[in-house]
Structures are given as C-alpha cells and as structure tokens.
C-alpha cells in the first residue's frame, strides 16, 4: 500500500492485525528511510493505522 505524507512524500508498506495486536512496516521509495511498528491493543481493529503509528510515520518520514 502507499500512503502520502503531508509534505507529499509517498511511503510504501504493509499493515496487519490480529485481536490484541497491530503491526506495520513502511519505507521510502529508495529504502533510505524505514519504520516498523508493533503495538498491543485492547480495542477492536478500527479503520486506518493506530494513532501511535501515525505519529511515528510523521516523525520518521515528514521532512
């Protein structure tokens, strides 16, 4: 999947979830920047990444 950042940068990656667990891996197109997350959850899966993953992506990929 691709996901655009606020500055227009596009990152590529994959997310997944099981009850109580969500994870994802994302990278810039040239693989120069990468981020991986795995979080425990207590709520049913919602649409979109968990808020902590969104904050991580902005910190890592936003320029």
PDB file of N, CA and C in Angstrom:
ATOM      1  N   UNK A   1       0.826  -1.157   0.000  1.00  0.00           N
ATOM      2  CA  UNK A   1       0.000   0.000   0.000  1.00  0.00           C
ATOM      3  C   UNK A   1       0.882   1.235   0.000  1.00  0.00           C
ATOM      4  N   UNK A   2       0.388   2.297  -0.523  1.00  0.00           N
ATOM      5  CA  UNK A   2       1.107   3.566  -0.468  1.00  0.00           C
ATOM      6  C   UNK A   2       0.332   4.517   0.424  1.00  0.00           C
ATOM      7  N   UNK A   3       1.066   5.426   1.046  1.00  0.00           N
ATOM      8  CA  UNK A   3       0.447   6.394   1.936  1.00  0.00           C
ATOM      9  C   UNK A   3       1.162   7.726   1.783  1.00  0.00           C
ATOM     10  N   UNK A   4       0.448   8.776   1.363  1.00  0.00           N
ATOM     11  CA  UNK A   4       1.086  10.077   1.218  1.00  0.00           C
ATOM     12  C   UNK A   4       1.244  10.778   2.569  1.00  0.00           C
ATOM     13  N   UNK A   5       2.384  11.406   2.777  1.00  0.00           N
ATOM     14  CA  UNK A   5       2.629  12.216   3.962  1.00  0.00           C
ATOM     15  C   UNK A   5       2.160  13.637   3.673  1.00  0.00           C
ATOM     16  N   UNK A   6       1.987  14.458   4.709  1.00  0.00           N
ATOM     17  CA  UNK A   6       1.520  15.838   4.496  1.00  0.00           C
ATOM     18  C   UNK A   6       2.387  16.663   3.548  1.00  0.00           C
ATOM     19  N   UNK A   7       3.698  16.361   3.480  1.00  0.00           N
ATOM     20  CA  UNK A   7       4.587  17.135   2.599  1.00  0.00           C
ATOM     21  C   UNK A   7       4.617  16.608   1.166  1.00  0.00           C
ATOM     22  N   UNK A   8       3.814  15.564   0.885  1.00  0.00           N
ATOM     23  CA  UNK A   8       3.769  15.000  -0.454  1.00  0.00           C
ATOM     24  C   UNK A   8       4.623  13.761  -0.643  1.00  0.00           C
ATOM     25  N   UNK A   9       5.516  13.466   0.297  1.00  0.00           N
ATOM     26  CA  UNK A   9       6.309  12.243   0.236  1.00  0.00           C
ATOM     27  C   UNK A   9       5.379  11.039   0.284  1.00  0.00           C
ATOM     28  N   UNK A  10       5.637  10.047  -0.536  1.00  0.00           N
ATOM     29  CA  UNK A  10       4.832   8.830  -0.530  1.00  0.00           C
ATOM     30  C   UNK A  10       5.661   7.709   0.077  1.00  0.00           C
ATOM     31  N   UNK A  11       5.103   7.029   1.075  1.00  0.00           N
ATOM     32  CA  UNK A  11       5.776   5.878   1.660  1.00  0.00           C
ATOM     33  C   UNK A  11       5.008   4.619   1.278  1.00  0.00           C
ATOM     34  N   UNK A  12       5.726   3.510   1.252  1.00  0.00           N
ATOM     35  CA  UNK A  12       5.155   2.229   0.835  1.00  0.00           C
ATOM     36  C   UNK A  12       5.273   1.245   1.981  1.00  0.00           C
ATOM     37  N   UNK A  13       4.268   0.387   2.149  1.00  0.00           N
ATOM     38  CA  UNK A  13       4.353  -0.559   3.242  1.00  0.00           C
ATOM     39  C   UNK A  13       3.193  -1.523   3.320  1.00  0.00           C
ATOM     40  N   UNK A  14       3.091  -2.146   4.485  1.00  0.00           N
ATOM     41  CA  UNK A  14       2.091  -3.181   4.736  1.00  0.00           C
ATOM     42  C   UNK A  14       1.716  -3.137   6.202  1.00  0.00           C
ATOM     43  N   UNK A  15       0.430  -3.292   6.489  1.00  0.00           N
ATOM     44  CA  UNK A  15      -0.039  -3.375   7.863  1.00  0.00           C
ATOM     45  C   UNK A  15      -0.722  -4.716   8.079  1.00  0.00           C
ATOM     46  N   UNK A  16      -0.901  -5.074   9.332  1.00  0.00           N
ATOM     47  CA  UNK A  16      -1.603  -6.306   9.660  1.00  0.00           C
ATOM     48  C   UNK A  16      -2.117  -6.246  11.083  1.00  0.00           C
ATOM     49  N   UNK A  17      -3.068  -7.101  11.394  1.00  0.00           N
ATOM     50  CA  UNK A  17      -3.586  -7.126  12.757  1.00  0.00           C
ATOM     51  C   UNK A  17      -4.203  -8.477  13.083  1.00  0.00           C
ATOM     52  N   UNK A  18      -4.179  -8.785  14.344  1.00  0.00           N
ATOM     53  CA  UNK A  18      -4.868  -9.902  14.957  1.00  0.00           C
ATOM     54  C   UNK A  18      -5.507  -9.326  16.212  1.00  0.00           C
ATOM     55  N   UNK A  19      -6.466  -9.993  16.801  1.00  0.00           N
ATOM     56  CA  UNK A  19      -7.038  -9.462  18.046  1.00  0.00           C
ATOM     57  C   UNK A  19      -5.940  -9.181  19.078  1.00  0.00           C
ATOM     58  N   UNK A  20      -5.893  -7.957  19.541  1.00  0.00           N
ATOM     59  CA  UNK A  20      -4.914  -7.565  20.544  1.00  0.00           C
ATOM     60  C   UNK A  20      -3.558  -7.147  20.020  1.00  0.00           C
ATOM     61  N   UNK A  21      -3.386  -7.050  18.697  1.00  0.00           N
ATOM     62  CA  UNK A  21      -2.058  -6.785  18.139  1.00  0.00           C
ATOM     63  C   UNK A  21      -2.192  -6.140  16.775  1.00  0.00           C
ATOM     64  N   UNK A  22      -1.414  -5.089  16.527  1.00  0.00           N
ATOM     65  CA  UNK A  22      -1.365  -4.463  15.204  1.00  0.00           C
ATOM     66  C   UNK A  22       0.080  -4.155  14.864  1.00  0.00           C
ATOM     67  N   UNK A  23       0.428  -4.267  13.586  1.00  0.00           N
ATOM     68  CA  UNK A  23       1.808  -4.016  13.179  1.00  0.00           C
ATOM     69  C   UNK A  23       1.843  -3.440  11.776  1.00  0.00           C
ATOM     70  N   UNK A  24       2.995  -2.889  11.431  1.00  0.00           N
ATOM     71  CA  UNK A  24       3.178  -2.359  10.089  1.00  0.00           C
ATOM     72  C   UNK A  24       4.643  -2.104   9.805  1.00  0.00           C
ATOM     73  N   UNK A  25       4.960  -2.056   8.532  1.00  0.00           N
ATOM     74  CA  UNK A  25       6.310  -1.734   8.085  1.00  0.00           C
ATOM     75  C   UNK A  25       6.168  -0.799   6.885  1.00  0.00           C
ATOM     76  N   UNK A  26       6.927   0.276   6.889  1.00  0.00           N
ATOM     77  CA  UNK A  26       6.870   1.259   5.813  1.00  0.00           C
ATOM     78  C   UNK A  26       8.274   1.714   5.450  1.00  0.00           C
ATOM     79  N   UNK A  27       8.442   2.157   4.205  1.00  0.00           N
ATOM     80  CA  UNK A  27       9.743   2.632   3.741  1.00  0.00           C
ATOM     81  C   UNK A  27       9.548   3.679   2.650  1.00  0.00           C
ATOM     82  N   UNK A  28      10.565   4.531   2.518  1.00  0.00           N
ATOM     83  CA  UNK A  28      10.573   5.460   1.392  1.00  0.00           C
ATOM     84  C   UNK A  28      10.845   4.655   0.126  1.00  0.00           C
ATOM     85  N   UNK A  29      10.566   5.246  -1.007  1.00  0.00           N
ATOM     86  CA  UNK A  29      10.724   4.521  -2.272  1.00  0.00           C
ATOM     87  C   UNK A  29      12.141   3.992  -2.475  1.00  0.00           C
ATOM     88  N   UNK A  30      13.142   4.777  -2.060  1.00  0.00           N
ATOM     89  CA  UNK A  30      14.539   4.352  -2.240  1.00  0.00           C
ATOM     90  C   UNK A  30      15.055   3.507  -1.068  1.00  0.00           C
ATOM     91  N   UNK A  31      14.198   3.179  -0.113  1.00  0.00           N
ATOM     92  CA  UNK A  31      14.522   2.394   1.083  1.00  0.00           C
ATOM     93  C   UNK A  31      15.517   3.093   2.007  1.00  0.00           C
ATOM     94  N   UNK A  32      15.737   4.386   1.780  1.00  0.00           N
ATOM     95  CA  UNK A  32      16.655   5.141   2.622  1.00  0.00           C
ATOM     96  C   UNK A  32      16.107   5.399   4.014  1.00  0.00           C
ATOM     97  N   UNK A  33      14.793   5.404   4.152  1.00  0.00           N
ATOM     98  CA  UNK A  33      14.147   5.601   5.447  1.00  0.00           C
ATOM     99  C   UNK A  33      13.135   4.485   5.626  1.00  0.00           C
ATOM    100  N   UNK A  34      13.194   3.833   6.799  1.00  0.00           N
ATOM    101  CA  UNK A  34      12.279   2.715   7.081  1.00  0.00           C
ATOM    102  C   UNK A  34      11.729   2.860   8.490  1.00  0.00           C
ATOM    103  N   UNK A  35      10.521   2.363   8.714  1.00  0.00           N
ATOM    104  CA  UNK A  35       9.912   2.365  10.043  1.00  0.00           C
ATOM    105  C   UNK A  35       9.086   1.098  10.215  1.00  0.00           C
ATOM    106  N   UNK A  36       9.170   0.536  11.402  1.00  0.00           N
ATOM    107  CA  UNK A  36       8.414  -0.671  11.742  1.00  0.00           C
ATOM    108  C   UNK A  36       7.735  -0.418  13.076  1.00  0.00           C
ATOM    109  N   UNK A  37       6.476  -0.832  13.205  1.00  0.00           N
ATOM    110  CA  UNK A  37       5.807  -0.722  14.495  1.00  0.00           C
ATOM    111  C   UNK A  37       5.043  -1.996  14.802  1.00  0.00           C
ATOM    112  N   UNK A  38       4.908  -2.266  16.076  1.00  0.00           N
ATOM    113  CA  UNK A  38       4.079  -3.358  16.577  1.00  0.00           C
ATOM    114  C   UNK A  38       3.500  -2.873  17.900  1.00  0.00           C
ATOM    115  N   UNK A  39       2.193  -2.842  18.005  1.00  0.00           N
ATOM    116  CA  UNK A  39       1.548  -2.337  19.211  1.00  0.00           C
ATOM    117  C   UNK A  39       0.492  -3.314  19.692  1.00  0.00           C
ATOM    118  N   UNK A  40       0.356  -3.392  21.002  1.00  0.00           N
ATOM    119  CA  UNK A  40      -0.724  -4.153  21.595  1.00  0.00           C
ATOM    120  C   UNK A  40      -1.958  -3.265  21.672  1.00  0.00           C
ATOM    121  N   UNK A  41      -3.120  -3.841  21.467  1.00  0.00           N
ATOM    122  CA  UNK A  41      -4.358  -3.073  21.515  1.00  0.00           C
ATOM    123  C   UNK A  41      -5.365  -3.783  22.403  1.00  0.00           C
ATOM    124  N   UNK A  42      -6.304  -3.003  22.917  1.00  0.00           N
ATOM    125  CA  UNK A  42      -7.381  -3.581  23.706  1.00  0.00           C
ATOM    126  C   UNK A  42      -8.725  -3.356  23.028  1.00  0.00           C
ATOM    127  N   UNK A  43      -8.726  -2.585  21.973  1.00  0.00           N
ATOM    128  CA  UNK A  43      -9.960  -2.275  21.262  1.00  0.00           C
ATOM    129  C   UNK A  43     -10.028  -3.089  19.972  1.00  0.00           C
ATOM    130  N   UNK A  44     -11.230  -3.292  19.455  1.00  0.00           N
ATOM    131  CA  UNK A  44     -11.352  -3.973  18.161  1.00  0.00           C
ATOM    132  C   UNK A  44     -10.648  -3.170  17.070  1.00  0.00           C
ATOM    133  N   UNK A  45     -10.153  -3.822  16.024  1.00  0.00           N
ATOM    134  CA  UNK A  45      -9.484  -3.093  14.945  1.00  0.00           C
ATOM    135  C   UNK A  45     -10.381  -2.008  14.354  1.00  0.00           C
ATOM    136  N   UNK A  46      -9.816  -0.837  14.213  1.00  0.00           N
ATOM    137  CA  UNK A  46     -10.509   0.285  13.566  1.00  0.00           C
ATOM    138  C   UNK A  46      -9.912   0.468  12.182  1.00  0.00           C
ATOM    139  N   UNK A  47     -10.575   1.250  11.362  1.00  0.00           N
ATOM    140  CA  UNK A  47     -10.008   1.509  10.039  1.00  0.00           C
ATOM    141  C   UNK A  47      -8.821   2.443  10.185  1.00  0.00           C
ATOM    142  N   UNK A  48      -7.819   2.211   9.374  1.00  0.00           N
ATOM    143  CA  UNK A  48      -6.622   3.043   9.402  1.00  0.00           C
ATOM    144  C   UNK A  48      -5.646   2.602  10.476  1.00  0.00           C
ATOM    145  N   UNK A  49      -4.444   3.162  10.428  1.00  0.00           N
ATOM    146  CA  UNK A  49      -3.417   2.780  11.393  1.00  0.00           C
ATOM    147  C   UNK A  49      -3.735   3.339  12.779  1.00  0.00           C
ATOM    148  N   UNK A  50      -3.210   2.712  13.832  1.00  0.00           N
ATOM    149  CA  UNK A  50      -3.423   3.253  15.175  1.00  0.00           C
ATOM    150  C   UNK A  50      -2.747   4.614  15.308  1.00  0.00           C
ATOM    151  N   UNK A  51      -3.235   5.467  16.205  1.00  0.00           N
ATOM    152  CA  UNK A  51      -2.654   6.815  16.358  1.00  0.00           C
ATOM    153  C   UNK A  51      -1.144   6.809  16.593  1.00  0.00           C
ATOM    154  N   UNK A  52      -0.629   5.838  17.356  1.00  0.00           N
ATOM    155  CA  UNK A  52       0.815   5.803  17.591  1.00  0.00           C
ATOM    156  C   UNK A  52       1.571   5.571  16.284  1.00  0.00           C
ATOM    157  N   UNK A  53       1.021   4.793  15.372  1.00  0.00           N
ATOM    158  CA  UNK A  53       1.669   4.563  14.079  1.00  0.00           C
ATOM    159  C   UNK A  53       1.652   5.832  13.238  1.00  0.00           C
ATOM    160  N   UNK A  54       0.576   6.597  13.310  1.00  0.00           N
ATOM    161  CA  UNK A  54       0.514   7.854  12.566  1.00  0.00           C
ATOM    162  C   UNK A  54       1.560   8.830  13.083  1.00  0.00           C
ATOM    163  N   UNK A  55       1.713   8.916  14.401  1.00  0.00           N
ATOM    164  CA  UNK A  55       2.728   9.813  14.970  1.00  0.00           C
ATOM    165  C   UNK A  55       4.132   9.367  14.585  1.00  0.00           C
ATOM    166  N   UNK A  56       4.377   8.064  14.604  1.00  0.00           N
ATOM    167  CA  UNK A  56       5.680   7.534  14.196  1.00  0.00           C
ATOM    168  C   UNK A  56       5.977   7.893  12.746  1.00  0.00           C
ATOM    169  N   UNK A  57       5.011   7.677  11.866  1.00  0.00           N
ATOM    170  CA  UNK A  57       5.220   7.967  10.441  1.00  0.00           C
ATOM    171  C   UNK A  57       5.519   9.442  10.215  1.00  0.00           C
ATOM    172  N   UNK A  58       4.812  10.320  10.898  1.00  0.00           N
ATOM    173  CA  UNK A  58       5.095  11.752  10.733  1.00  0.00           C
ATOM    174  C   UNK A  58       6.477  12.102  11.250  1.00  0.00           C
ATOM    175  N   UNK A  59       6.890  11.509  12.369  1.00  0.00           N
ATOM    176  CA  UNK A  59       8.217  11.803  12.912  1.00  0.00           C
ATOM    177  C   UNK A  59       9.330  11.281  12.014  1.00  0.00           C
ATOM    178  N   UNK A  60       9.121  10.120  11.400  1.00  0.00           N
ATOM    179  CA  UNK A  60      10.172   9.500  10.595  1.00  0.00           C
ATOM    180  C   UNK A  60      10.219  10.044   9.181  1.00  0.00           C
ATOM    181  N   UNK A  61       9.052  10.197   8.540  1.00  0.00           N
ATOM    182  CA  UNK A  61       9.029  10.496   7.111  1.00  0.00           C
ATOM    183  C   UNK A  61       8.781  11.960   6.753  1.00  0.00           C
ATOM    184  N   UNK A  62       8.157  12.743   7.632  1.00  0.00           N
ATOM    185  CA  UNK A  62       7.874  14.143   7.289  1.00  0.00           C
ATOM    186  C   UNK A  62       9.178  14.915   7.218  1.00  0.00           C
ATOM    187  N   UNK A  63       9.277  15.729   6.221  1.00  0.00           N
ATOM    188  CA  UNK A  63      10.517  16.497   6.024  1.00  0.00           C
ATOM    189  C   UNK A  63      10.289  17.952   6.313  1.00  0.00           C
TER     190      UNK A  63
END
